[in-house]
Amino acid sequence: MTKNVKLLFHNSRKASSLACFLVALFAILSAPTLADAKRASIVVDANSGRILHATNVDTRNYPASLTKMMTLYIVFDALDSGELTLNSPFTVSRRATQQPPSSLNLAYRQTITAEQAILALVTKSANDVATVVAENLSGTERAFALRMTAKARKLGMSRTTFRNASGLPHRGQLSTARDMAKLARALLTHHAKYYGYFSTKHFKYKGRNYKNHNKLLTSYEGVDGIKTGYIRASGFNLVASAKRGNQRLIGVVLGGNSPNHRNKRMTSLLNKGFSALDRNHDRIADAAPAQALVAPPKGKPTTSTKTNLANLKKGYDWTVQVGAFAKSKQAYEAAQMAVDIAPNYLKKGLIKIVPISNRKGRTLHRARILGISKQQAYRACKSLKKNRMNCMEISGKNALRVASNN
């Protein structure tokens, strides 16, 4: 009896060990791998912010070394504020020397200049340099990451959180294709004078020549930046910007299977983006431009205003509003953008900027296109919302009041 109990106990332990082994094996096999990386992409007209292509744009992914775009944004802020100069020395900590590749193999207590750091981050995507920058600007990399996240919020990157300056694996370091496009556009807009660094193809340091990982700089017409990224859990990421004539696109590809795959995907998306911009340009050139009435004179309406009021009474008594803005110029540009996006419905309308004071006494400027039909209003808003623009339809009598008030 005792032997049987012992045998049963022994077999039970073996079965339990086997079960634990199988669970562990399943966990290993189901762990995040390159094949599990979430794919996402977006293409944006850099001039207007209009989205031309979007796939899983708000799905949170690991940004990998795309993180260094924000690290560089903070550096550029520091240069503009006078906190840094291009020749400012950064001292290398022991912790920085322990960061895994890619790296410049920096030595403890040596120094590099701010400009050398910029070039190393752009080309080599050096993780030791990212840590050096973070520690020299904020004391610790953790403090710098908080600074990065705060800046992300100010730029409207609502689904992005940073935990380090390099993009090395961290389960809390997440972003989206939309947020990365916002960051790229902010770099172009706010730090245009430093953007040229992103087109650097080679960087020499201590006798070694480091090539930029962004191969589209030499293979795609018009590409002049900006950053690649890879960790196992993210796949191969790329943010690229290309300019042709007066047109500029920003593209983001997340979760590529290989560098070649992400480059082909980006090439295809940029090609489609430029084609879309060309088609839109041709449509606008053929269309009669919407009339603009930014600041109508007080008293009796002008002849053009009278004509549009008459149109409102003949069935064109609807208005669309595409936002309220701090400045009338911003409101007008938004209204004109709406016309450009939906010319089939808005090109015969009248742009009018309507000021309104809120409870705090602050004046906002409402961007409106009036003198259109009900069908045009609804179809225009549907088209604008697809392009991530705000839009609200205003019906007959309300539209007449809007047109009549100065």
Protein backbone atom coordinates (compact mmCIF):
# COMPACT_ATOMS: atom_id res chain seq x y z
CA MET A 1 0.00 0.00 0.00
CA THR A 2 2.78 2.37 0.92
CA LYS A 3 4.64 1.55 -2.29
CA ASN A 4 1.52 2.29 -4.34
CA VAL A 5 1.07 5.64 -2.62
CA LYS A 6 4.71 6.56 -3.22
CA LEU A 7 4.44 5.51 -6.87
CA LEU A 8 1.27 7.54 -7.30
CA PHE A 9 2.91 10.55 -5.65
CA HIS A 10 5.98 10.17 -7.87
CA ASN A 11 3.90 9.93 -11.02
CA SER A 12 1.85 12.88 -9.87
CA ARG A 13 4.99 14.98 -9.44
CA LYS A 14 6.18 13.96 -12.90
CA ALA A 15 2.83 14.90 -14.39
CA SER A 16 2.93 18.23 -12.55
CA SER A 17 6.45 18.94 -13.79
CA LEU A 18 5.42 18.07 -17.33
CA ALA A 19 2.44 20.41 -17.08
CA CYS A 20 4.66 23.24 -15.82
CA PHE A 21 7.09 22.59 -18.65
CA LEU A 22 4.31 22.71 -21.23
CA VAL A 23 2.94 25.96 -19.77
CA ALA A 24 6.42 27.51 -19.84
CA LEU A 25 6.98 26.30 -23.41
CA PHE A 26 3.64 27.82 -24.48
CA ALA A 27 4.56 31.12 -22.83
CA ILE A 28 7.84 31.21 -24.69
CA LEU A 29 6.24 30.38 -28.01
CA SER A 30 3.48 32.96 -27.51
CA ALA A 31 5.84 35.78 -26.42
CA PRO A 32 5.93 38.88 -28.66
CA THR A 33 8.03 38.28 -31.76
CA LEU A 34 8.67 40.14 -34.98
CA ALA A 35 5.72 38.36 -36.60
CA ASP A 36 3.42 39.68 -33.83
CA ALA A 37 4.39 43.33 -34.30
CA LYS A 38 1.34 45.44 -35.09
CA ARG A 39 1.34 46.99 -38.53
CA ALA A 40 0.23 50.59 -38.96
CA SER A 41 0.83 53.36 -41.47
CA ILE A 42 -0.16 56.91 -42.28
CA VAL A 43 0.61 59.50 -44.96
CA VAL A 44 0.00 63.20 -44.28
CA ASP A 45 0.18 66.33 -46.40
CA ALA A 46 2.78 68.19 -44.35
CA ASN A 47 1.52 71.61 -45.46
CA SER A 48 -2.14 71.20 -44.46
CA GLY A 49 -2.07 68.25 -42.08
CA ARG A 50 -4.59 66.44 -44.28
CA ILE A 51 -4.45 62.64 -43.95
CA LEU A 52 -4.11 60.91 -47.32
CA HIS A 53 -3.79 57.33 -46.05
CA ALA A 54 -4.45 55.71 -42.69
CA THR A 55 -4.21 52.13 -41.40
CA ASN A 56 -4.41 51.35 -37.67
CA VAL A 57 -3.23 54.90 -37.00
CA ASP A 58 -4.26 54.91 -33.33
CA THR A 59 -3.04 51.41 -32.45
CA ARG A 60 -0.32 51.69 -29.81
CA ASN A 61 3.03 50.20 -30.84
CA TYR A 62 6.61 50.21 -29.64
CA PRO A 63 8.28 53.18 -31.38
CA ALA A 64 11.83 51.76 -30.99
CA SER A 65 14.39 54.31 -32.21
CA LEU A 66 11.71 56.61 -33.59
CA THR A 67 11.86 57.72 -29.95
CA LYS A 68 15.04 59.62 -30.82
CA MET A 69 12.96 62.06 -32.87
CA MET A 70 11.59 63.38 -29.57
CA THR A 71 15.03 63.25 -27.96
CA LEU A 72 16.25 65.48 -30.77
CA TYR A 73 13.18 67.73 -30.49
CA ILE A 74 14.14 68.42 -26.86
CA VAL A 75 17.74 69.12 -27.92
CA PHE A 76 16.52 71.58 -30.57
CA ASP A 77 14.30 73.27 -27.96
CA ALA A 78 17.37 73.64 -25.73
CA LEU A 79 19.37 75.16 -28.59
CA ASP A 80 16.62 77.68 -29.31
CA SER A 81 16.26 78.67 -25.65
CA GLY A 82 20.01 79.13 -25.16
CA GLU A 83 20.25 76.22 -22.73
CA LEU A 84 22.69 74.67 -25.22
CA THR A 85 24.95 75.63 -28.08
CA LEU A 86 26.15 73.24 -30.76
CA ASN A 87 29.53 73.19 -29.03
CA SER A 88 28.18 72.47 -25.54
CA PRO A 89 30.02 69.46 -24.04
CA PHE A 90 28.11 66.39 -22.85
CA THR A 91 29.89 64.20 -20.29
CA VAL A 92 29.54 60.42 -20.61
CA SER A 93 28.38 58.53 -17.52
CA ARG A 94 29.19 54.93 -16.62
CA ARG A 95 25.56 54.04 -17.19
CA ALA A 96 25.69 55.46 -20.72
CA THR A 97 28.68 53.26 -21.60
CA GLN A 98 26.64 50.19 -20.61
CA GLN A 99 23.85 50.76 -23.13
CA PRO A 100 23.55 48.01 -25.77
CA PRO A 101 24.25 48.65 -29.46
CA SER A 102 23.91 50.38 -31.62
CA SER A 103 26.40 52.72 -30.03
CA LEU A 104 29.47 54.88 -30.52
CA ASN A 105 31.33 52.87 -27.86
CA LEU A 106 31.79 55.97 -25.75
CA ALA A 107 34.21 55.90 -22.81
CA TYR A 108 33.40 56.84 -19.22
CA ARG A 109 33.95 60.56 -18.48
CA GLN A 110 34.80 61.51 -22.05
CA THR A 111 32.83 64.34 -23.66
CA ILE A 112 31.07 64.86 -26.97
CA THR A 113 29.55 68.07 -28.29
CA ALA A 114 25.84 68.67 -28.74
CA GLU A 115 26.28 68.69 -32.51
CA GLN A 116 28.17 65.38 -32.45
CA ALA A 117 25.32 63.96 -30.38
CA ILE A 118 22.74 65.17 -32.91
CA LEU A 119 24.61 63.60 -35.82
CA ALA A 120 25.16 60.33 -33.94
CA LEU A 121 21.45 60.05 -33.12
CA VAL A 122 20.39 60.85 -36.69
CA THR A 123 22.79 58.46 -38.46
CA LYS A 124 24.03 55.70 -36.15
CA SER A 125 20.98 55.90 -33.85
CA ALA A 126 23.42 55.45 -30.97
CA ASN A 127 21.79 54.36 -27.72
CA ASP A 128 24.72 55.41 -25.54
CA VAL A 129 24.48 58.90 -27.00
CA ALA A 130 20.74 59.07 -26.25
CA THR A 131 21.46 58.33 -22.60
CA VAL A 132 24.25 60.93 -22.55
CA VAL A 133 21.87 63.57 -23.92
CA ALA A 134 19.15 62.67 -21.41
CA GLU A 135 21.42 62.73 -18.37
CA ASN A 136 23.13 65.98 -19.33
CA LEU A 137 19.87 67.82 -19.97
CA SER A 138 17.73 66.44 -17.14
CA GLY A 139 20.04 64.77 -14.63
CA THR A 140 18.58 61.28 -15.13
CA GLU A 141 17.14 59.45 -18.11
CA ARG A 142 13.91 58.93 -16.18
CA ALA A 143 13.51 62.67 -15.65
CA PHE A 144 14.25 63.27 -19.32
CA ALA A 145 11.60 60.72 -20.32
CA LEU A 146 9.03 62.62 -18.25
CA ARG A 147 10.08 65.77 -20.06
CA MET A 148 9.62 63.96 -23.40
CA THR A 149 6.14 62.78 -22.47
CA ALA A 150 5.13 66.27 -21.32
CA LYS A 151 6.28 67.67 -24.65
CA ALA A 152 4.35 64.95 -26.47
CA ARG A 153 1.16 66.08 -24.73
CA LYS A 154 1.78 69.69 -25.75
CA LEU A 155 2.15 68.54 -29.36
CA GLY A 156 -1.16 66.67 -29.23
CA MET A 157 0.45 63.22 -29.05
CA SER A 158 -2.21 61.90 -26.68
CA ARG A 159 -1.39 58.17 -27.01
CA THR A 160 2.38 58.39 -26.58
CA THR A 161 4.40 57.66 -23.44
CA PHE A 162 8.18 57.68 -23.16
CA ARG A 163 10.23 55.76 -20.60
CA ASN A 164 13.72 56.32 -22.05
CA ALA A 165 15.52 58.49 -24.58
CA SER A 166 16.66 55.73 -26.92
CA GLY A 167 13.69 53.50 -27.69
CA LEU A 168 15.29 50.42 -26.16
CA PRO A 169 12.64 47.86 -25.07
CA HIS A 170 10.31 48.99 -22.29
CA ARG A 171 6.73 47.74 -21.96
CA GLY A 172 5.50 51.25 -21.10
CA GLN A 173 7.12 53.00 -24.06
CA LEU A 174 4.33 53.21 -26.64
CA SER A 175 3.15 55.44 -29.47
CA THR A 176 1.00 55.42 -32.60
CA ALA A 177 1.43 56.14 -36.30
CA ARG A 178 -0.68 59.28 -35.96
CA ASP A 179 1.41 60.57 -33.06
CA MET A 180 4.67 59.91 -34.89
CA ALA A 181 3.35 61.87 -37.88
CA LYS A 182 2.45 64.73 -35.53
CA LEU A 183 5.98 64.69 -34.12
CA ALA A 184 7.55 64.72 -37.58
CA ARG A 185 5.34 67.63 -38.62
CA ALA A 186 6.24 69.50 -35.43
CA LEU A 187 9.94 69.03 -36.15
CA LEU A 188 9.41 70.47 -39.64
CA THR A 189 7.30 73.35 -38.38
CA HIS A 190 8.96 74.32 -35.10
CA HIS A 191 12.57 73.38 -35.83
CA ALA A 192 12.93 73.92 -39.55
CA LYS A 193 16.45 75.32 -39.16
CA TYR A 194 17.66 72.07 -37.59
CA TYR A 195 15.66 69.72 -39.80
CA GLY A 196 18.55 69.55 -42.28
CA TYR A 197 20.43 67.30 -39.86
CA PHE A 198 18.00 64.50 -40.72
CA SER A 199 19.30 64.41 -44.29
CA THR A 200 22.87 63.63 -43.14
CA LYS A 201 24.01 60.52 -45.01
CA HIS A 202 27.38 60.02 -43.25
CA PHE A 203 28.84 60.95 -39.88
CA LYS A 204 32.56 60.70 -39.05
CA TYR A 205 33.62 60.17 -35.48
CA LYS A 206 37.10 59.22 -34.26
CA GLY A 207 38.13 58.04 -37.69
CA ARG A 208 35.05 55.87 -38.28
CA ASN A 209 32.39 56.60 -40.87
CA TYR A 210 28.79 55.89 -39.82
CA LYS A 211 26.09 55.63 -42.51
CA ASN A 212 22.49 56.72 -42.04
CA HIS A 213 20.12 53.75 -41.64
CA ASN A 214 17.47 55.54 -43.73
CA LYS A 215 18.18 54.14 -47.19
CA LEU A 216 15.36 56.15 -48.78
CA LEU A 217 17.63 59.19 -48.57
CA THR A 218 19.43 57.83 -51.62
CA SER A 219 16.73 55.72 -53.26
CA TYR A 220 13.57 57.88 -53.29
CA GLU A 221 13.30 61.25 -55.00
CA GLY A 222 12.66 64.05 -52.54
CA VAL A 223 13.21 62.17 -49.26
CA ASP A 224 15.27 64.31 -46.87
CA GLY A 225 14.70 62.56 -43.50
CA ILE A 226 13.83 61.50 -40.88
CA LYS A 227 14.27 58.29 -38.73
CA THR A 228 14.31 54.50 -38.65
CA GLY A 229 13.68 52.20 -35.70
CA TYR A 230 13.78 48.54 -34.73
CA ILE A 231 13.38 46.29 -31.73
CA ARG A 232 12.14 42.71 -31.88
CA ALA A 233 8.69 43.54 -30.47
CA SER A 234 8.13 46.50 -32.83
CA GLY A 235 9.31 45.22 -36.17
CA PHE A 236 10.99 47.62 -38.57
CA ASN A 237 9.69 51.20 -38.26
CA LEU A 238 10.26 54.23 -40.44
CA VAL A 239 9.20 57.87 -40.51
CA ALA A 240 10.08 59.58 -43.79
CA SER A 241 9.44 62.98 -45.29
CA ALA A 242 9.68 63.81 -48.99
CA LYS A 243 9.39 67.12 -50.82
CA ARG A 244 8.66 67.66 -54.50
CA GLY A 245 8.15 71.23 -55.63
CA ASN A 246 5.83 72.92 -53.12
CA GLN A 247 4.42 69.61 -51.95
CA ARG A 248 5.70 67.73 -48.90
CA LEU A 249 4.53 64.43 -47.45
CA ILE A 250 5.15 62.74 -44.12
CA GLY A 251 4.88 58.96 -44.04
CA VAL A 252 4.97 56.53 -41.11
CA VAL A 253 5.31 52.74 -41.38
CA LEU A 254 5.26 50.60 -38.22
CA GLY A 255 5.78 46.84 -37.94
CA GLY A 256 7.68 46.07 -41.14
CA ASN A 257 9.01 42.52 -41.60
CA SER A 258 12.45 43.71 -42.69
CA PRO A 259 14.25 46.92 -43.69
CA ASN A 260 13.52 46.13 -47.33
CA HIS A 261 9.84 45.49 -46.61
CA ARG A 262 9.35 48.76 -44.73
CA ASN A 263 11.19 50.71 -47.46
CA LYS A 264 9.02 49.21 -50.22
CA ARG A 265 5.91 49.92 -48.20
CA MET A 266 6.96 53.52 -47.62
CA THR A 267 7.82 53.97 -51.31
CA SER A 268 4.38 52.74 -52.32
CA LEU A 269 2.62 54.98 -49.81
CA LEU A 270 4.57 58.10 -50.80
CA ASN A 271 3.88 57.43 -54.49
CA LYS A 272 0.16 57.20 -53.79
CA GLY A 273 0.33 60.30 -51.62
CA PHE A 274 1.94 62.47 -54.30
CA SER A 275 -0.58 61.16 -56.86
CA ALA A 276 -3.43 62.14 -54.53
CA LEU A 277 -1.98 65.64 -54.08
CA ASP A 278 -1.63 66.04 -57.87
CA ARG A 279 -5.25 64.96 -58.45
CA ASN A 280 -6.48 67.36 -55.78
CA HIS A 281 -4.42 70.20 -57.26
CA ASP A 282 -5.90 69.58 -60.71
CA ARG A 283 -9.43 69.53 -59.25
CA ILE A 284 -8.90 72.82 -57.44
CA ALA A 285 -7.35 74.47 -60.53
CA ASP A 286 -10.43 73.57 -62.60
CA ALA A 287 -12.90 74.70 -59.95
CA ALA A 288 -14.10 78.25 -59.33
CA PRO A 289 -12.65 79.33 -56.00
CA ALA A 290 -14.97 79.95 -53.07
CA GLN A 291 -15.57 83.62 -52.36
CA ALA A 292 -13.94 84.91 -49.18
CA LEU A 293 -15.61 87.31 -46.77
CA VAL A 294 -13.21 87.46 -43.84
CA ALA A 295 -14.25 90.78 -42.34
CA PRO A 296 -17.45 92.15 -43.96
CA PRO A 297 -18.03 95.90 -43.61
CA LYS A 298 -20.67 97.21 -41.22
CA GLY A 299 -23.92 98.59 -42.57
CA LYS A 300 -25.46 97.39 -45.84
CA PRO A 301 -24.09 94.21 -47.39
CA THR A 302 -21.80 94.49 -50.39
CA THR A 303 -23.04 93.42 -53.84
CA SER A 304 -21.36 90.00 -53.53
CA THR A 305 -22.95 89.47 -50.11
CA LYS A 306 -26.40 90.41 -51.44
CA THR A 307 -25.99 87.89 -54.24
CA ASN A 308 -25.16 85.13 -51.76
CA LEU A 309 -28.10 86.08 -49.52
CA ALA A 310 -30.33 85.73 -52.56
CA ASN A 311 -28.88 82.31 -53.23
CA LEU A 312 -29.68 81.27 -49.67
CA LYS A 313 -33.37 82.03 -50.29
CA LYS A 314 -33.41 79.80 -53.37
CA GLY A 315 -32.61 76.57 -51.57
CA TYR A 316 -28.92 77.21 -50.83
CA ASP A 317 -29.69 78.06 -47.24
CA TRP A 318 -27.26 75.77 -45.42
CA THR A 319 -23.87 76.42 -43.82
CA VAL A 320 -21.03 74.23 -42.56
CA GLN A 321 -18.75 75.24 -39.71
CA VAL A 322 -15.26 73.69 -39.56
CA GLY A 323 -14.01 75.00 -36.23
CA ALA A 324 -13.39 78.03 -34.04
CA PHE A 325 -9.92 79.56 -33.86
CA ALA A 326 -7.97 82.13 -31.89
CA LYS A 327 -7.09 84.14 -35.02
CA SER A 328 -9.20 85.04 -38.04
CA LYS A 329 -6.35 84.04 -40.35
CA GLN A 330 -6.34 80.53 -38.88
CA ALA A 331 -10.09 80.32 -39.33
CA TYR A 332 -9.89 81.44 -42.95
CA GLU A 333 -7.13 78.92 -43.71
CA ALA A 334 -9.24 76.14 -42.17
CA ALA A 335 -12.26 77.14 -44.26
CA GLN A 336 -10.15 77.29 -47.42
CA MET A 337 -8.69 73.88 -46.60
CA ALA A 338 -12.22 72.51 -46.28
CA VAL A 339 -13.04 73.86 -49.74
CA ASP A 340 -9.87 72.26 -51.12
CA ILE A 341 -10.79 68.89 -49.62
CA ALA A 342 -14.44 68.95 -50.70
CA PRO A 343 -14.60 71.25 -53.75
CA ASN A 344 -17.54 69.36 -55.30
CA TYR A 345 -19.75 70.51 -52.42
CA LEU A 346 -18.19 73.76 -51.22
CA LYS A 347 -16.60 75.54 -54.19
CA LYS A 348 -19.65 77.75 -54.80
CA GLY A 349 -20.05 78.64 -51.16
CA LEU A 350 -19.10 81.82 -49.38
CA ILE A 351 -16.36 81.71 -46.73
CA LYS A 352 -17.28 83.81 -43.74
CA ILE A 353 -15.37 84.21 -40.47
CA VAL A 354 -17.75 84.90 -37.61
CA PRO A 355 -16.26 86.24 -34.32
CA ILE A 356 -17.75 85.24 -30.98
CA SER A 357 -16.76 86.11 -27.39
CA ASN A 358 -16.77 83.40 -24.77
CA ARG A 359 -17.54 83.85 -21.07
CA LYS A 360 -13.95 84.78 -20.29
CA GLY A 361 -14.06 87.60 -22.83
CA ARG A 362 -11.82 85.80 -25.27
CA THR A 363 -12.72 86.19 -28.95
CA LEU A 364 -12.86 83.10 -31.13
CA HIS A 365 -13.30 83.09 -34.89
CA ARG A 366 -15.71 80.54 -36.35
CA ALA A 367 -14.78 79.26 -39.81
CA ARG A 368 -17.89 78.83 -41.97
CA ILE A 369 -18.81 78.19 -45.58
CA LEU A 370 -22.37 79.31 -46.33
CA GLY A 371 -24.68 79.41 -49.35
CA ILE A 372 -24.87 75.65 -50.01
CA SER A 373 -27.67 73.10 -50.13
CA LYS A 374 -28.62 70.66 -47.39
CA GLN A 375 -27.26 67.76 -49.45
CA GLN A 376 -23.99 69.58 -50.08
CA ALA A 377 -23.62 70.38 -46.38
CA TYR A 378 -24.05 66.77 -45.26
CA ARG A 379 -21.86 65.35 -48.00
CA ALA A 380 -19.15 67.96 -47.34
CA CYS A 381 -19.09 67.15 -43.62
CA LYS A 382 -18.90 63.42 -44.36
CA SER A 383 -15.89 64.04 -46.61
CA LEU A 384 -14.20 66.41 -44.15
CA LYS A 385 -14.65 64.07 -41.18
CA LYS A 386 -13.00 61.28 -43.17
CA ASN A 387 -10.03 63.63 -43.49
CA ARG A 388 -10.02 64.28 -39.72
CA MET A 389 -11.49 67.78 -39.95
CA ASN A 390 -14.20 69.09 -37.65
CA CYS A 391 -17.48 69.85 -39.39
CA MET A 392 -20.98 70.84 -38.30
CA GLU A 393 -24.03 71.44 -40.52
CA ILE A 394 -26.14 74.55 -39.83
CA SER A 395 -29.69 74.57 -41.25
CA GLY A 396 -31.75 77.12 -43.17
CA LYS A 397 -32.94 79.86 -40.81
CA ASN A 398 -29.79 79.70 -38.72
CA ALA A 399 -27.70 79.99 -41.89
CA LEU A 400 -29.66 83.08 -42.98
CA ARG A 401 -28.97 84.70 -39.62
CA VAL A 402 -25.28 83.87 -39.94
CA ALA A 403 -25.14 85.47 -43.36
CA SER A 404 -27.00 88.59 -42.28
CA ASN A 405 -24.98 89.35 -39.14
CA ASN A 406 -21.72 91.23 -39.47
